[in-house]
PDB file of N, CA and C in Angstrom:
ATOM      1  N   UNK A   1      -4.496  17.672  34.945  1.00  0.00           N
ATOM      2  CA  UNK A   1      -3.440  17.217  34.063  1.00  0.00           C
ATOM      3  C   UNK A   1      -3.973  17.147  32.634  1.00  0.00           C
ATOM      4  N   UNK A   2      -3.238  17.690  31.721  1.00  0.00           N
ATOM      5  CA  UNK A   2      -3.649  17.724  30.318  1.00  0.00           C
ATOM      6  C   UNK A   2      -3.142  16.463  29.599  1.00  0.00           C
ATOM      7  N   UNK A   3      -4.045  15.808  28.903  1.00  0.00           N
ATOM      8  CA  UNK A   3      -3.673  14.617  28.147  1.00  0.00           C
ATOM      9  C   UNK A   3      -3.385  15.008  26.702  1.00  0.00           C
ATOM     10  N   UNK A   4      -2.271  14.548  26.209  1.00  0.00           N
ATOM     11  CA  UNK A   4      -1.934  14.804  24.808  1.00  0.00           C
ATOM     12  C   UNK A   4      -1.960  13.484  24.052  1.00  0.00           C
ATOM     13  N   UNK A   5      -2.399  13.564  22.833  1.00  0.00           N
ATOM     14  CA  UNK A   5      -2.484  12.378  21.998  1.00  0.00           C
ATOM     15  C   UNK A   5      -1.447  12.458  20.901  1.00  0.00           C
ATOM     16  N   UNK A   6      -0.809  11.368  20.654  1.00  0.00           N
ATOM     17  CA  UNK A   6       0.173  11.295  19.575  1.00  0.00           C
ATOM     18  C   UNK A   6      -0.537  10.900  18.284  1.00  0.00           C
ATOM     19  N   UNK A   7      -0.152  11.550  17.225  1.00  0.00           N
ATOM     20  CA  UNK A   7      -0.689  11.178  15.925  1.00  0.00           C
ATOM     21  C   UNK A   7       0.008   9.889  15.485  1.00  0.00           C
ATOM     22  N   UNK A   8      -0.763   8.885  15.068  1.00  0.00           N
ATOM     23  CA  UNK A   8      -0.123   7.633  14.668  1.00  0.00           C
ATOM     24  C   UNK A   8       0.790   7.852  13.461  1.00  0.00           C
ATOM     25  N   UNK A   9       1.853   7.075  13.371  1.00  0.00           N
ATOM     26  CA  UNK A   9       2.767   7.250  12.241  1.00  0.00           C
ATOM     27  C   UNK A   9       2.090   6.910  10.923  1.00  0.00           C
ATOM     28  N   UNK A  10       2.540   7.560   9.886  1.00  0.00           N
ATOM     29  CA  UNK A  10       1.995   7.290   8.562  1.00  0.00           C
ATOM     30  C   UNK A  10       2.517   5.942   8.085  1.00  0.00           C
ATOM     31  N   UNK A  11       1.669   5.241   7.400  1.00  0.00           N
ATOM     32  CA  UNK A  11       2.025   3.916   6.910  1.00  0.00           C
ATOM     33  C   UNK A  11       2.614   4.051   5.510  1.00  0.00           C
ATOM     34  N   UNK A  12       3.653   3.279   5.225  1.00  0.00           N
ATOM     35  CA  UNK A  12       4.252   3.304   3.891  1.00  0.00           C
ATOM     36  C   UNK A  12       4.106   1.963   3.179  1.00  0.00           C
ATOM     37  N   UNK A  13       3.601   0.974   3.898  1.00  0.00           N
ATOM     38  CA  UNK A  13       3.457  -0.373   3.341  1.00  0.00           C
ATOM     39  C   UNK A  13       2.046  -0.564   2.794  1.00  0.00           C
ATOM     40  N   UNK A  14       1.962  -1.198   1.629  1.00  0.00           N
ATOM     41  CA  UNK A  14       0.673  -1.464   0.994  1.00  0.00           C
ATOM     42  C   UNK A  14       0.360  -2.953   1.137  1.00  0.00           C
ATOM     43  N   UNK A  15      -0.813  -3.241   1.645  1.00  0.00           N
ATOM     44  CA  UNK A  15      -1.281  -4.613   1.806  1.00  0.00           C
ATOM     45  C   UNK A  15      -2.359  -4.908   0.768  1.00  0.00           C
ATOM     46  N   UNK A  16      -2.688  -6.183   0.607  1.00  0.00           N
ATOM     47  CA  UNK A  16      -3.703  -6.599  -0.367  1.00  0.00           C
ATOM     48  C   UNK A  16      -5.038  -5.907  -0.094  1.00  0.00           C
ATOM     49  N   UNK A  17      -5.395  -5.739   1.168  1.00  0.00           N
ATOM     50  CA  UNK A  17      -6.662  -5.074   1.517  1.00  0.00           C
ATOM     51  C   UNK A  17      -6.657  -3.624   1.038  1.00  0.00           C
ATOM     52  N   UNK A  18      -5.498  -2.968   1.119  1.00  0.00           N
ATOM     53  CA  UNK A  18      -5.394  -1.602   0.605  1.00  0.00           C
ATOM     54  C   UNK A  18      -5.633  -1.588  -0.901  1.00  0.00           C
ATOM     55  N   UNK A  19      -5.061  -2.563  -1.588  1.00  0.00           N
ATOM     56  CA  UNK A  19      -5.231  -2.645  -3.043  1.00  0.00           C
ATOM     57  C   UNK A  19      -6.698  -2.862  -3.389  1.00  0.00           C
ATOM     58  N   UNK A  20      -7.383  -3.691  -2.615  1.00  0.00           N
ATOM     59  CA  UNK A  20      -8.822  -3.890  -2.821  1.00  0.00           C
ATOM     60  C   UNK A  20      -9.559  -2.555  -2.712  1.00  0.00           C
ATOM     61  N   UNK A  21      -9.251  -1.806  -1.657  1.00  0.00           N
ATOM     62  CA  UNK A  21      -9.952  -0.543  -1.412  1.00  0.00           C
ATOM     63  C   UNK A  21      -9.586   0.541  -2.414  1.00  0.00           C
ATOM     64  N   UNK A  22      -8.334   0.595  -2.816  1.00  0.00           N
ATOM     65  CA  UNK A  22      -7.887   1.622  -3.760  1.00  0.00           C
ATOM     66  C   UNK A  22      -8.425   1.359  -5.160  1.00  0.00           C
ATOM     67  N   UNK A  23      -8.339   0.102  -5.589  1.00  0.00           N
ATOM     68  CA  UNK A  23      -8.671  -0.222  -6.982  1.00  0.00           C
ATOM     69  C   UNK A  23     -10.071  -0.791  -7.172  1.00  0.00           C
ATOM     70  N   UNK A  24     -10.685  -1.282  -6.095  1.00  0.00           N
ATOM     71  CA  UNK A  24     -11.996  -1.913  -6.224  1.00  0.00           C
ATOM     72  C   UNK A  24     -11.916  -3.356  -6.707  1.00  0.00           C
ATOM     73  N   UNK A  25     -10.714  -3.901  -6.701  1.00  0.00           N
ATOM     74  CA  UNK A  25     -10.548  -5.293  -7.135  1.00  0.00           C
ATOM     75  C   UNK A  25     -10.995  -6.259  -6.060  1.00  0.00           C
ATOM     76  N   UNK A  26     -11.279  -7.468  -6.480  1.00  0.00           N
ATOM     77  CA  UNK A  26     -11.653  -8.519  -5.547  1.00  0.00           C
ATOM     78  C   UNK A  26     -10.400  -9.010  -4.821  1.00  0.00           C
ATOM     79  N   UNK A  27     -10.574  -9.691  -3.671  1.00  0.00           N
ATOM     80  CA  UNK A  27      -9.411 -10.119  -2.876  1.00  0.00           C
ATOM     81  C   UNK A  27      -8.367 -10.918  -3.655  1.00  0.00           C
ATOM     82  N   UNK A  28      -8.801 -11.863  -4.455  1.00  0.00           N
ATOM     83  CA  UNK A  28      -7.851 -12.680  -5.218  1.00  0.00           C
ATOM     84  C   UNK A  28      -7.072 -11.857  -6.228  1.00  0.00           C
ATOM     85  N   UNK A  29      -7.741 -10.932  -6.882  1.00  0.00           N
ATOM     86  CA  UNK A  29      -7.080 -10.071  -7.864  1.00  0.00           C
ATOM     87  C   UNK A  29      -6.104  -9.119  -7.173  1.00  0.00           C
ATOM     88  N   UNK A  30      -6.462  -8.656  -5.981  1.00  0.00           N
ATOM     89  CA  UNK A  30      -5.580  -7.764  -5.223  1.00  0.00           C
ATOM     90  C   UNK A  30      -4.316  -8.501  -4.796  1.00  0.00           C
ATOM     91  N   UNK A  31      -4.465  -9.745  -4.344  1.00  0.00           N
ATOM     92  CA  UNK A  31      -3.293 -10.542  -3.955  1.00  0.00           C
ATOM     93  C   UNK A  31      -2.405 -10.831  -5.163  1.00  0.00           C
ATOM     94  N   UNK A  32      -3.021 -11.093  -6.308  1.00  0.00           N
ATOM     95  CA  UNK A  32      -2.253 -11.353  -7.525  1.00  0.00           C
ATOM     96  C   UNK A  32      -1.474 -10.106  -7.940  1.00  0.00           C
ATOM     97  N   UNK A  33      -2.104  -8.954  -7.862  1.00  0.00           N
ATOM     98  CA  UNK A  33      -1.422  -7.705  -8.198  1.00  0.00           C
ATOM     99  C   UNK A  33      -0.249  -7.479  -7.254  1.00  0.00           C
ATOM    100  N   UNK A  34      -0.433  -7.753  -5.981  1.00  0.00           N
ATOM    101  CA  UNK A  34       0.643  -7.606  -5.006  1.00  0.00           C
ATOM    102  C   UNK A  34       1.812  -8.542  -5.345  1.00  0.00           C
ATOM    103  N   UNK A  35       1.504  -9.778  -5.723  1.00  0.00           N
ATOM    104  CA  UNK A  35       2.561 -10.718  -6.140  1.00  0.00           C
ATOM    105  C   UNK A  35       3.290 -10.203  -7.374  1.00  0.00           C
ATOM    106  N   UNK A  36       2.534  -9.669  -8.339  1.00  0.00           N
ATOM    107  CA  UNK A  36       3.146  -9.142  -9.564  1.00  0.00           C
ATOM    108  C   UNK A  36       4.065  -7.959  -9.274  1.00  0.00           C
ATOM    109  N   UNK A  37       3.665  -7.115  -8.342  1.00  0.00           N
ATOM    110  CA  UNK A  37       4.505  -5.975  -7.965  1.00  0.00           C
ATOM    111  C   UNK A  37       5.789  -6.475  -7.318  1.00  0.00           C
ATOM    112  N   UNK A  38       5.671  -7.452  -6.429  1.00  0.00           N
ATOM    113  CA  UNK A  38       6.859  -8.014  -5.787  1.00  0.00           C
ATOM    114  C   UNK A  38       7.797  -8.626  -6.828  1.00  0.00           C
ATOM    115  N   UNK A  39       7.223  -9.310  -7.795  1.00  0.00           N
ATOM    116  CA  UNK A  39       8.021  -9.922  -8.853  1.00  0.00           C
ATOM    117  C   UNK A  39       8.731  -8.841  -9.682  1.00  0.00           C
ATOM    118  N   UNK A  40       8.014  -7.783 -10.024  1.00  0.00           N
ATOM    119  CA  UNK A  40       8.580  -6.702 -10.834  1.00  0.00           C
ATOM    120  C   UNK A  40       9.735  -6.004 -10.118  1.00  0.00           C
ATOM    121  N   UNK A  41       9.652  -5.904  -8.797  1.00  0.00           N
ATOM    122  CA  UNK A  41      10.704  -5.246  -8.017  1.00  0.00           C
ATOM    123  C   UNK A  41      11.683  -6.251  -7.415  1.00  0.00           C
ATOM    124  N   UNK A  42      11.591  -7.504  -7.864  1.00  0.00           N
ATOM    125  CA  UNK A  42      12.489  -8.576  -7.438  1.00  0.00           C
ATOM    126  C   UNK A  42      12.553  -8.710  -5.912  1.00  0.00           C
ATOM    127  N   UNK A  43      11.385  -8.744  -5.311  1.00  0.00           N
ATOM    128  CA  UNK A  43      11.285  -8.891  -3.861  1.00  0.00           C
ATOM    129  C   UNK A  43      10.968 -10.339  -3.513  1.00  0.00           C
ATOM    130  N   UNK A  44      11.353 -10.735  -2.333  1.00  0.00           N
ATOM    131  CA  UNK A  44      10.997 -12.047  -1.821  1.00  0.00           C
ATOM    132  C   UNK A  44       9.545 -12.009  -1.341  1.00  0.00           C
ATOM    133  N   UNK A  45       8.883 -13.155  -1.286  1.00  0.00           N
ATOM    134  CA  UNK A  45       7.476 -13.166  -0.863  1.00  0.00           C
ATOM    135  C   UNK A  45       7.230 -12.531   0.501  1.00  0.00           C
ATOM    136  N   UNK A  46       8.191 -12.632   1.407  1.00  0.00           N
ATOM    137  CA  UNK A  46       7.987 -12.084   2.752  1.00  0.00           C
ATOM    138  C   UNK A  46       8.325 -10.595   2.861  1.00  0.00           C
ATOM    139  N   UNK A  47       8.823 -10.001   1.798  1.00  0.00           N
ATOM    140  CA  UNK A  47       9.144  -8.579   1.823  1.00  0.00           C
ATOM    141  C   UNK A  47       7.900  -7.740   1.528  1.00  0.00           C
ATOM    142  N   UNK A  48       7.932  -6.503   1.987  1.00  0.00           N
ATOM    143  CA  UNK A  48       6.798  -5.600   1.835  1.00  0.00           C
ATOM    144  C   UNK A  48       6.885  -4.789   0.548  1.00  0.00           C
ATOM    145  N   UNK A  49       5.726  -4.322   0.093  1.00  0.00           N
ATOM    146  CA  UNK A  49       5.636  -3.400  -1.040  1.00  0.00           C
ATOM    147  C   UNK A  49       5.345  -2.021  -0.466  1.00  0.00           C
ATOM    148  N   UNK A  50       6.136  -1.036  -0.873  1.00  0.00           N
ATOM    149  CA  UNK A  50       5.937   0.318  -0.365  1.00  0.00           C
ATOM    150  C   UNK A  50       4.930   1.067  -1.236  1.00  0.00           C
ATOM    151  N   UNK A  51       4.470   2.174  -0.693  1.00  0.00           N
ATOM    152  CA  UNK A  51       3.528   3.015  -1.432  1.00  0.00           C
ATOM    153  C   UNK A  51       4.153   3.523  -2.725  1.00  0.00           C
ATOM    154  N   UNK A  52       5.436   3.867  -2.691  1.00  0.00           N
ATOM    155  CA  UNK A  52       6.094   4.368  -3.898  1.00  0.00           C
ATOM    156  C   UNK A  52       6.240   3.277  -4.951  1.00  0.00           C
ATOM    157  N   UNK A  53       6.500   2.044  -4.535  1.00  0.00           N
ATOM    158  CA  UNK A  53       6.588   0.926  -5.493  1.00  0.00           C
ATOM    159  C   UNK A  53       5.215   0.640  -6.105  1.00  0.00           C
ATOM    160  N   UNK A  54       4.185   0.639  -5.261  1.00  0.00           N
ATOM    161  CA  UNK A  54       2.830   0.437  -5.762  1.00  0.00           C
ATOM    162  C   UNK A  54       2.469   1.515  -6.773  1.00  0.00           C
ATOM    163  N   UNK A  55       2.812   2.743  -6.445  1.00  0.00           N
ATOM    164  CA  UNK A  55       2.529   3.878  -7.320  1.00  0.00           C
ATOM    165  C   UNK A  55       3.259   3.754  -8.652  1.00  0.00           C
ATOM    166  N   UNK A  56       4.532   3.408  -8.594  1.00  0.00           N
ATOM    167  CA  UNK A  56       5.325   3.268  -9.815  1.00  0.00           C
ATOM    168  C   UNK A  56       4.771   2.159 -10.710  1.00  0.00           C
ATOM    169  N   UNK A  57       4.346   1.071 -10.111  1.00  0.00           N
ATOM    170  CA  UNK A  57       3.844  -0.068 -10.887  1.00  0.00           C
ATOM    171  C   UNK A  57       2.482   0.219 -11.507  1.00  0.00           C
ATOM    172  N   UNK A  58       1.591   0.850 -10.726  1.00  0.00           N
ATOM    173  CA  UNK A  58       0.212   1.038 -11.194  1.00  0.00           C
ATOM    174  C   UNK A  58      -0.002   2.346 -11.942  1.00  0.00           C
ATOM    175  N   UNK A  59       0.893   3.308 -11.733  1.00  0.00           N
ATOM    176  CA  UNK A  59       0.710   4.606 -12.365  1.00  0.00           C
ATOM    177  C   UNK A  59      -0.211   5.529 -11.580  1.00  0.00           C
ATOM    178  N   UNK A  60      -0.642   5.087 -10.404  1.00  0.00           N
ATOM    179  CA  UNK A  60      -1.461   5.928  -9.538  1.00  0.00           C
ATOM    180  C   UNK A  60      -0.514   6.879  -8.808  1.00  0.00           C
ATOM    181  N   UNK A  61      -0.853   8.149  -8.800  1.00  0.00           N
ATOM    182  CA  UNK A  61       0.004   9.161  -8.182  1.00  0.00           C
ATOM    183  C   UNK A  61       0.337   8.786  -6.736  1.00  0.00           C
ATOM    184  N   UNK A  62       1.629   8.868  -6.406  1.00  0.00           N
ATOM    185  CA  UNK A  62       2.088   8.469  -5.080  1.00  0.00           C
ATOM    186  C   UNK A  62       1.412   9.262  -3.965  1.00  0.00           C
ATOM    187  N   UNK A  63       1.167  10.527  -4.196  1.00  0.00           N
ATOM    188  CA  UNK A  63       0.494  11.356  -3.189  1.00  0.00           C
ATOM    189  C   UNK A  63      -0.896  10.837  -2.874  1.00  0.00           C
ATOM    190  N   UNK A  64      -1.605  10.367  -3.882  1.00  0.00           N
ATOM    191  CA  UNK A  64      -2.949   9.820  -3.659  1.00  0.00           C
ATOM    192  C   UNK A  64      -2.877   8.534  -2.848  1.00  0.00           C
ATOM    193  N   UNK A  65      -1.899   7.701  -3.151  1.00  0.00           N
ATOM    194  CA  UNK A  65      -1.753   6.433  -2.425  1.00  0.00           C
ATOM    195  C   UNK A  65      -1.423   6.716  -0.966  1.00  0.00           C
ATOM    196  N   UNK A  66      -0.465   7.603  -0.722  1.00  0.00           N
ATOM    197  CA  UNK A  66      -0.079   7.920   0.650  1.00  0.00           C
ATOM    198  C   UNK A  66      -1.218   8.574   1.418  1.00  0.00           C
ATOM    199  N   UNK A  67      -1.969   9.428   0.738  1.00  0.00           N
ATOM    200  CA  UNK A  67      -3.131  10.054   1.364  1.00  0.00           C
ATOM    201  C   UNK A  67      -4.147   9.009   1.775  1.00  0.00           C
ATOM    202  N   UNK A  68      -4.348   8.023   0.947  1.00  0.00           N
ATOM    203  CA  UNK A  68      -5.286   6.935   1.254  1.00  0.00           C
ATOM    204  C   UNK A  68      -4.811   6.145   2.467  1.00  0.00           C
ATOM    205  N   UNK A  69      -3.512   5.908   2.565  1.00  0.00           N
ATOM    206  CA  UNK A  69      -2.969   5.100   3.654  1.00  0.00           C
ATOM    207  C   UNK A  69      -2.995   5.826   4.998  1.00  0.00           C
ATOM    208  N   UNK A  70      -3.161   7.134   4.986  1.00  0.00           N
ATOM    209  CA  UNK A  70      -3.180   7.900   6.228  1.00  0.00           C
ATOM    210  C   UNK A  70      -4.484   7.792   6.988  1.00  0.00           C
ATOM    211  N   UNK A  71      -5.583   7.557   6.317  1.00  0.00           N
ATOM    212  CA  UNK A  71      -6.866   7.561   7.016  1.00  0.00           C
ATOM    213  C   UNK A  71      -6.919   6.439   7.988  1.00  0.00           C
TER     214      UNK A  71
END
C-alpha cells in the first residue's frame, strides 16, 4: 500500500514569534508591533493579523512574508 502525504496548508496569520523572526526584534517589541498593526487596521485584540496586513503596515513585500510563513 502506498502512503501519500498531504502538504500542510499555508499559513496566512502572523504571530508575534513570526515578527521576531522576520524583523529580528525582541519579543516585547514584536508584540508591540502586532498591537500597533491591529490598531491601524481597527481590529479587536482577539482578532488575527494577516500576512497582507503585516506587509502593508511594514512595507515588507507580501511574497516574502508568505514565503517565510510556509517553512
